[in-house]
Amino acid sequence: MHKLPVGFEEAFSLYKPDGCTELIGRSDYEALLAPYELDREKKQYLDEALLAIENDEKVLLFSRFFVWDMCSERNKYDIDNYTELMPSCLGKYNEAYAFLVLLSCVPVAEKEMIRRQIPKEYYQDIPHRMLRDQMKRYKETGRIDVEDMPWKMNFYTLTIFLLDRFLFIPYENGEGFRLYRSNKTGKVIGIPESGCIYDHEGQLLSWPPEDEATAQSEGAETETPEDEMQTNETADEQSACGREEDDKETACGDGSRQGTGYEYATRPAKRPETFTTTRTETEREITGYYMNPVGYTENRQITIDKDEYVEVLKPGDYLIALHIPGGEGYTPERMHHSMALALDFFAKYYPELTMKGFWSSSWLYDKRLEMIIGKGRNITNVQNLMFRYSDGENGHMLYIHLYKNMESRLRDYPCTTSLQKGAREFLLNGNRFCTTGMMILKEEALNGAAYYTEEDERHFYELMKAEGIQ
């Protein structure tokens, strides 16, 4: 195996083989592939690849372990353990391995759905949201390898659910800050842990070292909301929780990459100064840096009274990760309705998880987009529901979704929407975008209260003006 899952040895020590000689039951296998009507050659290749796995005792043992592990509690709320599955021992069938392991997760995961008494209509189409694209690519290109393994695992292991407009996954919070709510005004304040490093614009450079091992990440589904296309707000869209690994390669020293996403997506703050947070707590007060809920941390400290402010979110609490599939309805109203359904769903079928609210990460949440498209648009209206914060991501995600890939040359790109055109001008003027995280706690998910104040917004625009960002 080219890369083993994180925690492989510890997990394998807990595995108890059941002696089964099949990776997946043939009736399940045939039923999952039947809707796609593969031609004889392509279907035969998958059949032979499955037999190659099952005919090798050692390969089968580890393959069944991977299925067991992917569907276990260990991976339900932290999907970063698996980034790829590519063996070296199956010859021409190596590329099919990850797909067949993922496919084999579906009937195993279905047993868990039955145990929880979740109605079939909630999950029967979930694996096919990935299978449709996978089979389309296989038919058109002959490629069957799996791209973006962590994201697609959610669907094959049946841990993601479509509730009205949005997709939802249980998620264990691992971010390096805490939220507090005033019992007098309802105001929610965020204070980062000590040791967070921010750049001059309040964008996170790194969480404290001790938190790195527990930082959470989610994959991303990319589709196109039709209502956004119709209003010319965006040419593309991506999942709210898409945290994609930064591409550290830049244009420096490589002329072929100048003018592409490798230059614009990884652009740092205009000024090199940074600041490091501290957080102190006494019997009566907590002092730390102020997280402005429009999406950055201010270089100033505040003190809150513990008699007034109650901690409402900390690392380790459970949230519901929210993802945005394509289609119409990317509006505050549909988000509220979907979140209410999600809270009811997880309270009923996952009662062991006390959900504190919702988490998400997307280029769509960057406050800088408001500087381009203005207020009152779907993108900005949805932003206004959120407690946004810098989660250390750069402009990579925006670039590949607006301009299709990192290789696209910005000046020459055939922009067709106002957002593409405005973002291009913004970048060519020396500015940058940053993917932004967000939280919506259960209370605000139901009552629609805003997290930011006029003062918060004024501070943001004063910072942008001072930095020469316009």
Protein backbone atom coordinates (compact mmCIF):
# COMPACT_ATOMS: atom_id res chain seq x y z
CA MET A 1 0.00 0.00 0.00
CA HIS A 2 1.46 3.35 -1.03
CA LYS A 3 0.07 5.13 2.03
CA LEU A 4 -1.51 3.44 5.04
CA PRO A 5 -4.34 5.08 6.99
CA VAL A 6 -3.48 7.12 10.08
CA GLY A 7 -3.59 4.93 13.17
CA PHE A 8 -3.46 1.74 11.08
CA GLU A 9 -1.53 -0.45 13.55
CA GLU A 10 -3.70 0.42 16.54
CA ALA A 11 -6.91 -0.11 14.57
CA PHE A 12 -5.73 -3.40 13.08
CA SER A 13 -4.97 -4.75 16.54
CA LEU A 14 -8.69 -4.38 17.34
CA TYR A 15 -9.90 -6.11 14.19
CA LYS A 16 -11.32 -9.63 14.46
CA PRO A 17 -11.50 -11.38 11.05
CA ASP A 18 -14.75 -13.25 10.45
CA GLY A 19 -13.41 -15.70 7.88
CA CYS A 20 -15.62 -14.42 5.06
CA THR A 21 -14.14 -15.17 1.63
CA GLU A 22 -15.94 -12.32 -0.18
CA LEU A 23 -15.12 -8.63 -0.07
CA ILE A 24 -18.70 -7.79 -0.99
CA GLY A 25 -21.70 -10.03 -1.54
CA ARG A 26 -22.37 -10.50 -5.24
CA SER A 27 -26.01 -9.50 -5.01
CA ASP A 28 -25.03 -6.19 -3.37
CA TYR A 29 -22.22 -5.68 -5.87
CA GLU A 30 -24.46 -6.26 -8.88
CA ALA A 31 -27.28 -4.14 -7.50
CA LEU A 32 -25.00 -1.15 -6.89
CA LEU A 33 -23.53 -1.26 -10.41
CA ALA A 34 -26.70 -2.22 -12.30
CA PRO A 35 -28.06 1.32 -12.87
CA TYR A 36 -24.94 2.30 -14.82
CA GLU A 37 -25.09 -0.34 -17.56
CA LEU A 38 -21.33 -0.71 -18.00
CA ASP A 39 -20.19 -2.25 -21.27
CA ARG A 40 -18.91 -5.80 -21.14
CA GLU A 41 -15.22 -4.88 -21.12
CA LYS A 42 -15.44 -2.36 -18.28
CA LYS A 43 -17.70 -4.57 -16.17
CA GLN A 44 -15.40 -7.54 -16.75
CA TYR A 45 -12.40 -5.50 -15.57
CA LEU A 46 -14.15 -4.73 -12.26
CA ASP A 47 -15.29 -8.34 -11.88
CA GLU A 48 -11.71 -9.55 -12.40
CA ALA A 49 -10.33 -6.93 -10.00
CA LEU A 50 -12.74 -8.09 -7.31
CA LEU A 51 -11.71 -11.71 -7.86
CA ALA A 52 -8.04 -10.72 -7.71
CA ILE A 53 -8.63 -9.22 -4.27
CA GLU A 54 -10.59 -12.20 -3.02
CA ASN A 55 -8.16 -14.80 -4.41
CA ASP A 56 -5.25 -13.35 -2.42
CA GLU A 57 -5.71 -14.27 1.22
CA LYS A 58 -3.58 -11.44 2.55
CA VAL A 59 -5.11 -8.80 0.28
CA LEU A 60 -8.61 -9.93 1.23
CA LEU A 61 -7.77 -9.82 4.93
CA PHE A 62 -6.59 -6.23 4.77
CA SER A 63 -9.37 -5.21 2.39
CA ARG A 64 -12.04 -6.45 4.76
CA PHE A 65 -10.20 -4.68 7.57
CA PHE A 66 -10.29 -1.41 5.63
CA VAL A 67 -14.05 -1.75 5.10
CA TRP A 68 -14.57 -2.52 8.80
CA ASP A 69 -12.36 0.41 9.80
CA MET A 70 -13.96 2.92 7.43
CA CYS A 71 -17.38 2.07 8.82
CA SER A 72 -16.24 2.16 12.45
CA GLU A 73 -16.73 4.90 15.01
CA ARG A 74 -13.05 5.78 14.66
CA ASN A 75 -13.67 7.27 11.25
CA LYS A 76 -17.22 8.55 11.50
CA TYR A 77 -16.36 12.06 12.65
CA ASP A 78 -12.76 12.43 11.43
CA ILE A 79 -12.35 11.33 7.84
CA ASP A 80 -8.70 12.31 7.42
CA ASN A 81 -7.44 8.83 8.31
CA TYR A 82 -7.85 7.72 4.70
CA THR A 83 -6.34 9.85 1.95
CA GLU A 84 -5.75 7.14 -0.66
CA LEU A 85 -5.75 3.38 -1.10
CA MET A 86 -3.42 2.27 -3.86
CA PRO A 87 -1.79 -1.17 -3.58
CA SER A 88 1.24 -2.41 -5.48
CA CYS A 89 0.41 -6.12 -5.60
CA LEU A 90 -2.59 -6.36 -7.92
CA GLY A 91 -0.90 -5.46 -11.17
CA LYS A 92 -3.35 -4.03 -13.69
CA TYR A 93 -6.09 -4.04 -11.04
CA ASN A 94 -4.33 -1.67 -8.62
CA GLU A 95 -6.35 1.33 -9.80
CA ALA A 96 -9.69 -0.37 -9.13
CA TYR A 97 -8.81 -1.27 -5.56
CA ALA A 98 -9.96 1.89 -3.72
CA PHE A 99 -13.23 1.97 -5.61
CA LEU A 100 -14.05 -1.66 -4.80
CA VAL A 101 -13.20 -1.16 -1.12
CA LEU A 102 -15.48 1.89 -0.98
CA LEU A 103 -18.26 0.05 -2.80
CA SER A 104 -17.94 -2.77 -0.26
CA CYS A 105 -18.62 -0.29 2.55
CA VAL A 106 -22.20 0.30 1.42
CA PRO A 107 -23.83 -2.97 2.60
CA VAL A 108 -21.82 -2.86 5.85
CA ALA A 109 -22.89 0.72 6.52
CA GLU A 110 -26.49 -0.17 5.71
CA LYS A 111 -26.53 -2.52 8.69
CA GLU A 112 -25.80 0.48 10.89
CA MET A 113 -28.67 2.41 9.29
CA ILE A 114 -31.00 -0.50 10.05
CA ARG A 115 -29.72 -0.70 13.63
CA ARG A 116 -30.47 2.98 14.11
CA GLN A 117 -33.89 2.50 12.47
CA ILE A 118 -33.17 5.22 9.91
CA PRO A 119 -35.73 5.01 7.08
CA LYS A 120 -34.22 3.88 3.79
CA GLU A 121 -35.29 7.02 1.92
CA TYR A 122 -32.67 8.96 3.89
CA TYR A 123 -29.72 6.92 2.64
CA GLN A 124 -30.60 4.77 -0.39
CA ASP A 125 -29.42 7.36 -2.93
CA ILE A 126 -26.45 8.63 -0.92
CA PRO A 127 -23.75 6.31 -2.39
CA HIS A 128 -25.12 6.94 -5.87
CA ARG A 129 -24.32 10.67 -5.53
CA MET A 130 -20.70 9.55 -5.88
CA LEU A 131 -21.29 6.50 -8.07
CA ARG A 132 -22.95 8.57 -10.79
CA ASP A 133 -19.86 10.72 -11.27
CA GLN A 134 -17.46 7.81 -10.79
CA MET A 135 -19.19 5.67 -13.41
CA LYS A 136 -19.51 8.59 -15.83
CA ARG A 137 -15.76 9.19 -15.65
CA TYR A 138 -15.07 5.46 -15.97
CA LYS A 139 -17.20 5.22 -19.10
CA GLU A 140 -15.73 8.32 -20.71
CA THR A 141 -12.06 7.99 -19.77
CA GLY A 142 -11.54 4.44 -18.54
CA ARG A 143 -10.27 5.75 -15.20
CA ILE A 144 -11.64 4.03 -12.10
CA ASP A 145 -9.23 5.35 -9.46
CA VAL A 146 -10.80 7.40 -6.66
CA GLU A 147 -10.18 11.11 -6.38
CA ASP A 148 -10.70 12.91 -3.05
CA MET A 149 -10.98 9.77 -0.94
CA PRO A 150 -11.94 11.50 2.38
CA TRP A 151 -14.91 13.27 0.83
CA LYS A 152 -16.26 10.25 -1.04
CA MET A 153 -15.95 8.03 2.03
CA ASN A 154 -18.82 10.00 3.57
CA PHE A 155 -21.18 8.72 0.89
CA TYR A 156 -20.08 5.09 0.65
CA THR A 157 -20.13 4.73 4.45
CA LEU A 158 -23.57 6.43 4.66
CA THR A 159 -22.52 9.09 7.14
CA ILE A 160 -23.87 12.05 5.14
CA PHE A 161 -27.54 12.92 4.72
CA LEU A 162 -29.44 15.20 2.35
CA LEU A 163 -32.09 17.10 4.29
CA ASP A 164 -34.04 19.46 2.04
CA ARG A 165 -31.39 21.64 0.37
CA PHE A 166 -28.14 20.78 2.17
CA LEU A 167 -26.00 17.79 3.08
CA PHE A 168 -25.09 17.09 6.72
CA ILE A 169 -22.46 14.97 8.50
CA PRO A 170 -21.73 14.49 12.23
CA TYR A 171 -18.51 16.31 13.04
CA GLU A 172 -16.27 16.58 16.10
CA ASN A 173 -15.08 20.15 16.58
CA GLY A 174 -11.33 20.49 16.59
CA GLU A 175 -10.82 24.21 16.02
CA GLY A 176 -8.54 26.20 18.32
CA PHE A 177 -11.03 28.62 19.82
CA ARG A 178 -14.03 28.77 22.14
CA LEU A 179 -17.36 30.56 21.86
CA TYR A 180 -19.12 32.32 24.73
CA ARG A 181 -22.67 33.73 24.86
CA SER A 182 -23.84 36.65 27.00
CA ASN A 183 -26.76 35.70 29.23
CA LYS A 184 -27.82 39.37 29.12
CA THR A 185 -27.66 40.33 25.43
CA GLY A 186 -27.24 37.00 23.64
CA LYS A 187 -24.05 38.27 21.95
CA VAL A 188 -21.66 35.43 21.00
CA ILE A 189 -17.94 36.11 21.34
CA GLY A 190 -15.08 33.97 20.08
CA ILE A 191 -11.66 33.85 21.75
CA PRO A 192 -8.81 31.78 20.26
CA GLU A 193 -6.51 29.65 22.37
CA SER A 194 -3.03 30.93 23.22
CA GLY A 195 -0.43 30.44 20.53
CA CYS A 196 -2.49 31.03 17.40
CA ILE A 197 -0.47 33.02 14.87
CA TYR A 198 -2.27 35.50 12.61
CA ASP A 199 -1.04 37.68 9.78
CA HIS A 200 -1.47 41.44 9.61
CA GLU A 201 -4.97 41.08 8.15
CA GLY A 202 -6.14 38.76 10.94
CA GLN A 203 -5.98 35.60 8.84
CA LEU A 204 -4.79 32.47 10.64
CA LEU A 205 -1.30 31.23 9.86
CA SER A 206 -1.22 28.38 12.37
CA TRP A 207 -3.15 26.94 15.29
CA PRO A 208 -1.23 26.21 18.50
CA PRO A 209 1.16 23.24 18.01
CA GLU A 210 -0.66 21.04 20.53
CA ASP A 211 -3.88 21.36 18.54
CA GLU A 212 -2.45 20.32 15.19
CA ALA A 213 -2.98 16.60 15.81
CA THR A 214 -6.66 17.08 16.51
CA ALA A 215 -7.51 19.64 13.85
CA GLN A 216 -10.42 18.36 11.82
CA SER A 217 -10.91 18.45 8.09
CA GLU A 218 -13.64 17.56 5.65
CA GLY A 219 -13.78 16.84 1.99
CA ALA A 220 -15.80 18.78 -0.52
CA GLU A 221 -18.49 18.15 -3.06
CA THR A 222 -18.41 20.53 -5.99
CA GLU A 223 -21.55 21.37 -7.91
CA THR A 224 -23.15 24.47 -9.40
CA PRO A 225 -26.12 26.17 -7.73
CA GLU A 226 -28.44 27.05 -10.59
CA ASP A 227 -29.87 30.10 -8.83
CA GLU A 228 -26.38 31.55 -8.43
CA MET A 229 -25.71 31.05 -12.15
CA GLN A 230 -28.99 32.69 -13.07
CA THR A 231 -28.23 35.77 -10.99
CA ASN A 232 -24.63 35.90 -12.21
CA GLU A 233 -23.33 35.76 -8.66
CA THR A 234 -21.02 32.81 -9.17
CA ALA A 235 -19.83 30.55 -11.94
CA ASP A 236 -19.27 27.63 -9.64
CA GLU A 237 -19.69 26.58 -6.04
CA GLN A 238 -18.25 24.18 -3.59
CA SER A 239 -19.15 22.40 -0.45
CA ALA A 240 -19.17 24.27 2.76
CA CYS A 241 -16.76 22.04 4.43
CA GLY A 242 -14.26 21.66 1.72
CA ARG A 243 -10.88 21.98 3.20
CA GLU A 244 -8.48 21.31 0.40
CA GLU A 245 -4.77 20.91 1.00
CA ASP A 246 -2.93 24.10 0.09
CA ASP A 247 -0.69 23.87 -2.93
CA LYS A 248 2.58 25.24 -1.61
CA GLU A 249 4.06 25.63 -5.07
CA THR A 250 4.14 29.26 -6.19
CA ALA A 251 5.05 31.15 -9.29
CA CYS A 252 8.47 32.07 -7.91
CA GLY A 253 11.19 30.55 -10.01
CA ASP A 254 8.73 28.93 -12.40
CA GLY A 255 7.72 31.26 -15.18
CA SER A 256 5.14 28.83 -16.51
CA ARG A 257 3.04 29.35 -13.39
CA GLN A 258 3.09 33.12 -13.29
CA GLY A 259 -0.36 34.55 -13.81
CA THR A 260 -2.09 31.32 -12.76
CA GLY A 261 -3.69 30.14 -9.54
CA TYR A 262 -0.28 29.20 -8.21
CA GLU A 263 0.44 32.90 -7.99
CA TYR A 264 -2.94 34.33 -7.02
CA ALA A 265 -4.37 31.62 -4.77
CA THR A 266 -1.40 31.49 -2.42
CA ARG A 267 -0.88 35.23 -2.06
CA PRO A 268 0.02 36.29 1.53
CA ALA A 269 -0.99 39.43 3.40
CA LYS A 270 0.39 42.66 1.99
CA ARG A 271 2.35 43.39 5.15
CA PRO A 272 4.65 40.85 6.83
CA GLU A 273 3.85 41.63 10.49
CA THR A 274 2.13 38.92 12.51
CA PHE A 275 0.68 38.59 16.00
CA THR A 276 0.36 35.63 18.37
CA THR A 277 -2.67 35.20 20.60
CA THR A 278 -2.73 34.76 24.34
CA ARG A 279 -5.63 33.66 26.50
CA THR A 280 -5.75 34.04 30.27
CA GLU A 281 -8.47 32.99 32.67
CA THR A 282 -9.07 33.93 36.28
CA GLU A 283 -11.86 33.00 38.62
CA ARG A 284 -13.96 35.86 37.29
CA GLU A 285 -12.68 36.84 33.83
CA ILE A 286 -11.31 35.60 30.51
CA THR A 287 -8.99 37.78 28.46
CA GLY A 288 -8.03 37.05 24.88
CA TYR A 289 -8.03 38.27 21.30
CA TYR A 290 -11.31 39.25 19.68
CA MET A 291 -12.57 37.06 16.82
CA ASN A 292 -14.55 39.39 14.60
CA PRO A 293 -17.51 37.24 13.41
CA VAL A 294 -17.29 38.52 9.83
CA GLY A 295 -14.24 36.29 9.36
CA TYR A 296 -10.95 37.42 10.92
CA THR A 297 -9.26 37.94 14.28
CA GLU A 298 -8.54 41.48 15.40
CA ASN A 299 -5.16 42.42 16.84
CA ARG A 300 -6.67 43.57 20.12
CA GLN A 301 -7.64 41.94 23.38
CA ILE A 302 -10.97 41.91 25.16
CA THR A 303 -12.02 40.78 28.64
CA ILE A 304 -15.32 39.05 29.35
CA ASP A 305 -16.99 38.48 32.70
CA LYS A 306 -17.60 34.79 33.44
CA ASP A 307 -20.77 35.67 35.34
CA GLU A 308 -22.22 37.06 32.11
CA TYR A 309 -20.58 34.97 29.38
CA VAL A 310 -21.19 31.22 29.36
CA GLU A 311 -19.04 28.88 27.27
CA VAL A 312 -21.21 27.41 24.50
CA LEU A 313 -18.64 25.73 22.23
CA LYS A 314 -15.24 24.17 22.86
CA PRO A 315 -12.93 21.71 21.07
CA GLY A 316 -14.36 18.20 21.24
CA ASP A 317 -18.00 19.26 21.10
CA TYR A 318 -20.14 17.72 18.36
CA LEU A 319 -21.41 19.80 15.48
CA ILE A 320 -23.16 19.03 12.21
CA ALA A 321 -20.96 19.72 9.20
CA LEU A 322 -22.99 21.43 6.48
CA HIS A 323 -22.25 20.99 2.76
CA ILE A 324 -23.74 22.73 -0.25
CA PRO A 325 -24.74 20.58 -3.24
CA GLY A 326 -25.58 22.27 -6.51
CA GLY A 327 -29.02 23.42 -7.53
CA GLU A 328 -31.47 26.17 -6.72
CA GLY A 329 -32.27 27.42 -3.26
CA TYR A 330 -29.00 28.72 -1.83
CA THR A 331 -30.91 31.16 0.38
CA PRO A 332 -31.17 31.95 4.11
CA GLU A 333 -34.71 30.55 4.19
CA ARG A 334 -33.69 27.18 2.76
CA MET A 335 -30.67 27.02 5.03
CA HIS A 336 -32.80 27.65 8.12
CA HIS A 337 -35.29 25.01 7.06
CA SER A 338 -32.57 22.47 6.30
CA MET A 339 -30.78 23.11 9.60
CA ALA A 340 -34.00 22.64 11.56
CA LEU A 341 -34.54 19.30 9.82
CA ALA A 342 -30.95 18.30 10.55
CA LEU A 343 -31.25 19.08 14.25
CA ASP A 344 -34.39 16.95 14.47
CA PHE A 345 -32.83 14.13 12.42
CA PHE A 346 -29.66 13.79 14.48
CA ALA A 347 -31.51 14.18 17.78
CA LYS A 348 -33.75 11.26 16.77
CA TYR A 349 -31.28 8.89 15.10
CA TYR A 350 -27.98 9.87 16.78
CA PRO A 351 -29.15 10.61 20.33
CA GLU A 352 -25.69 9.88 21.75
CA LEU A 353 -24.34 13.00 20.03
CA THR A 354 -25.22 16.33 21.64
CA MET A 355 -25.13 18.61 18.63
CA LYS A 356 -24.16 22.19 19.51
CA GLY A 357 -24.82 23.58 16.04
CA PHE A 358 -23.26 23.62 12.59
CA TRP A 359 -19.78 23.92 11.10
CA SER A 360 -18.67 24.61 7.58
CA SER A 361 -15.79 26.00 5.51
CA SER A 362 -16.01 27.56 2.07
CA TRP A 363 -14.70 30.22 -0.26
CA LEU A 364 -18.33 31.40 -0.44
CA TYR A 365 -18.04 32.76 3.12
CA ASP A 366 -15.19 35.23 2.47
CA LYS A 367 -16.34 38.73 3.45
CA ARG A 368 -14.24 40.11 0.58
CA LEU A 369 -16.84 38.78 -1.85
CA GLU A 370 -19.20 41.46 -0.55
CA MET A 371 -16.73 44.06 -1.81
CA ILE A 372 -17.31 42.67 -5.31
CA ILE A 373 -21.00 41.76 -5.52
CA GLY A 374 -22.42 44.00 -2.79
CA LYS A 375 -25.07 43.26 -0.19
CA GLY A 376 -28.45 41.67 -0.76
CA ARG A 377 -27.27 38.77 -2.94
CA ASN A 378 -27.74 35.11 -2.11
CA ILE A 379 -24.05 34.67 -1.28
CA THR A 380 -23.92 37.64 1.09
CA ASN A 381 -27.36 37.01 2.59
CA VAL A 382 -26.32 33.50 3.58
CA GLN A 383 -23.00 34.83 4.92
CA ASN A 384 -24.91 37.07 7.30
CA LEU A 385 -26.27 34.05 9.19
CA MET A 386 -22.82 32.87 10.26
CA PHE A 387 -20.16 33.33 12.89
CA ARG A 388 -17.26 33.37 10.43
CA TYR A 389 -13.59 32.95 11.29
CA SER A 390 -10.25 32.49 9.60
CA ASP A 391 -9.36 28.80 9.48
CA GLY A 392 -5.92 29.11 7.90
CA GLU A 393 -6.95 28.52 4.29
CA ASN A 394 -5.91 30.66 1.34
CA GLY A 395 -7.52 31.46 -2.01
CA HIS A 396 -6.90 28.05 -3.59
CA MET A 397 -10.50 26.92 -3.27
CA LEU A 398 -11.98 30.05 -4.82
CA TYR A 399 -9.56 29.96 -7.73
CA ILE A 400 -10.28 26.41 -8.83
CA HIS A 401 -14.03 26.91 -8.55
CA LEU A 402 -14.18 30.23 -10.37
CA TYR A 403 -11.40 29.56 -12.87
CA LYS A 404 -11.64 25.75 -13.04
CA ASN A 405 -8.05 24.79 -12.16
CA MET A 406 -4.82 26.19 -10.79
CA GLU A 407 -3.25 26.19 -14.27
CA SER A 408 -5.78 28.67 -15.67
CA ARG A 409 -4.23 32.01 -16.61
CA LEU A 410 -6.23 34.73 -14.93
CA ARG A 411 -5.89 37.53 -17.47
CA ASP A 412 -6.95 35.28 -20.35
CA TYR A 413 -9.79 33.43 -18.62
CA PRO A 414 -13.14 33.80 -20.47
CA CYS A 415 -15.21 35.21 -17.61
CA THR A 416 -18.97 34.96 -18.08
CA THR A 417 -20.33 36.08 -14.69
CA SER A 418 -20.06 39.26 -12.67
CA LEU A 419 -18.42 37.36 -9.83
CA GLN A 420 -15.71 35.93 -12.09
CA LYS A 421 -15.03 39.34 -13.56
CA GLY A 422 -15.04 41.11 -10.21
CA ALA A 423 -12.81 38.52 -8.55
CA ARG A 424 -10.35 38.73 -11.46
CA GLU A 425 -10.10 42.50 -11.14
CA PHE A 426 -9.73 42.18 -7.37
CA LEU A 427 -6.83 39.72 -7.74
CA LEU A 428 -5.12 41.64 -10.54
CA ASN A 429 -5.18 44.71 -8.29
CA GLY A 430 -2.90 42.87 -5.84
CA ASN A 431 -5.50 41.53 -3.41
CA ARG A 432 -6.31 38.01 -2.22
CA PHE A 433 -9.18 35.81 -1.11
CA CYS A 434 -9.28 33.40 1.81
CA THR A 435 -11.53 30.41 2.41
CA THR A 436 -13.39 31.01 5.66
CA GLY A 437 -14.80 28.75 8.35
CA MET A 438 -18.15 29.32 9.99
CA MET A 439 -20.23 28.21 12.96
CA ILE A 440 -23.98 28.53 13.46
CA LEU A 441 -24.96 27.43 16.94
CA LYS A 442 -28.23 25.62 17.51
CA GLU A 443 -29.95 28.66 19.00
CA GLU A 444 -29.17 30.95 16.05
CA ALA A 445 -29.91 28.16 13.57
CA LEU A 446 -33.48 28.26 14.82
CA ASN A 447 -34.00 31.95 15.58
CA GLY A 448 -31.96 33.51 12.77
CA ALA A 449 -30.13 36.02 14.97
CA ALA A 450 -27.01 37.60 13.47
CA TYR A 451 -23.60 37.26 15.10
CA TYR A 452 -21.96 40.42 13.82
CA THR A 453 -22.72 44.03 14.72
CA GLU A 454 -22.41 47.26 12.74
CA GLU A 455 -19.20 47.88 14.68
CA ASP A 456 -17.79 44.50 13.61
CA GLU A 457 -18.50 45.32 9.98
CA ARG A 458 -17.07 48.81 10.32
CA HIS A 459 -13.84 47.39 11.76
CA PHE A 460 -13.53 45.06 8.76
CA TYR A 461 -13.87 47.83 6.19
CA GLU A 462 -11.49 50.07 8.17
CA LEU A 463 -8.91 47.25 8.07
CA MET A 464 -9.40 46.74 4.34
CA LYS A 465 -8.96 50.47 3.72
CA ALA A 466 -5.85 50.64 5.92
CA GLU A 467 -4.35 47.68 4.03
CA GLY A 468 -5.11 49.25 0.65
CA ILE A 469 -7.58 46.49 -0.25
CA GLN A 470 -10.40 47.65 -2.51
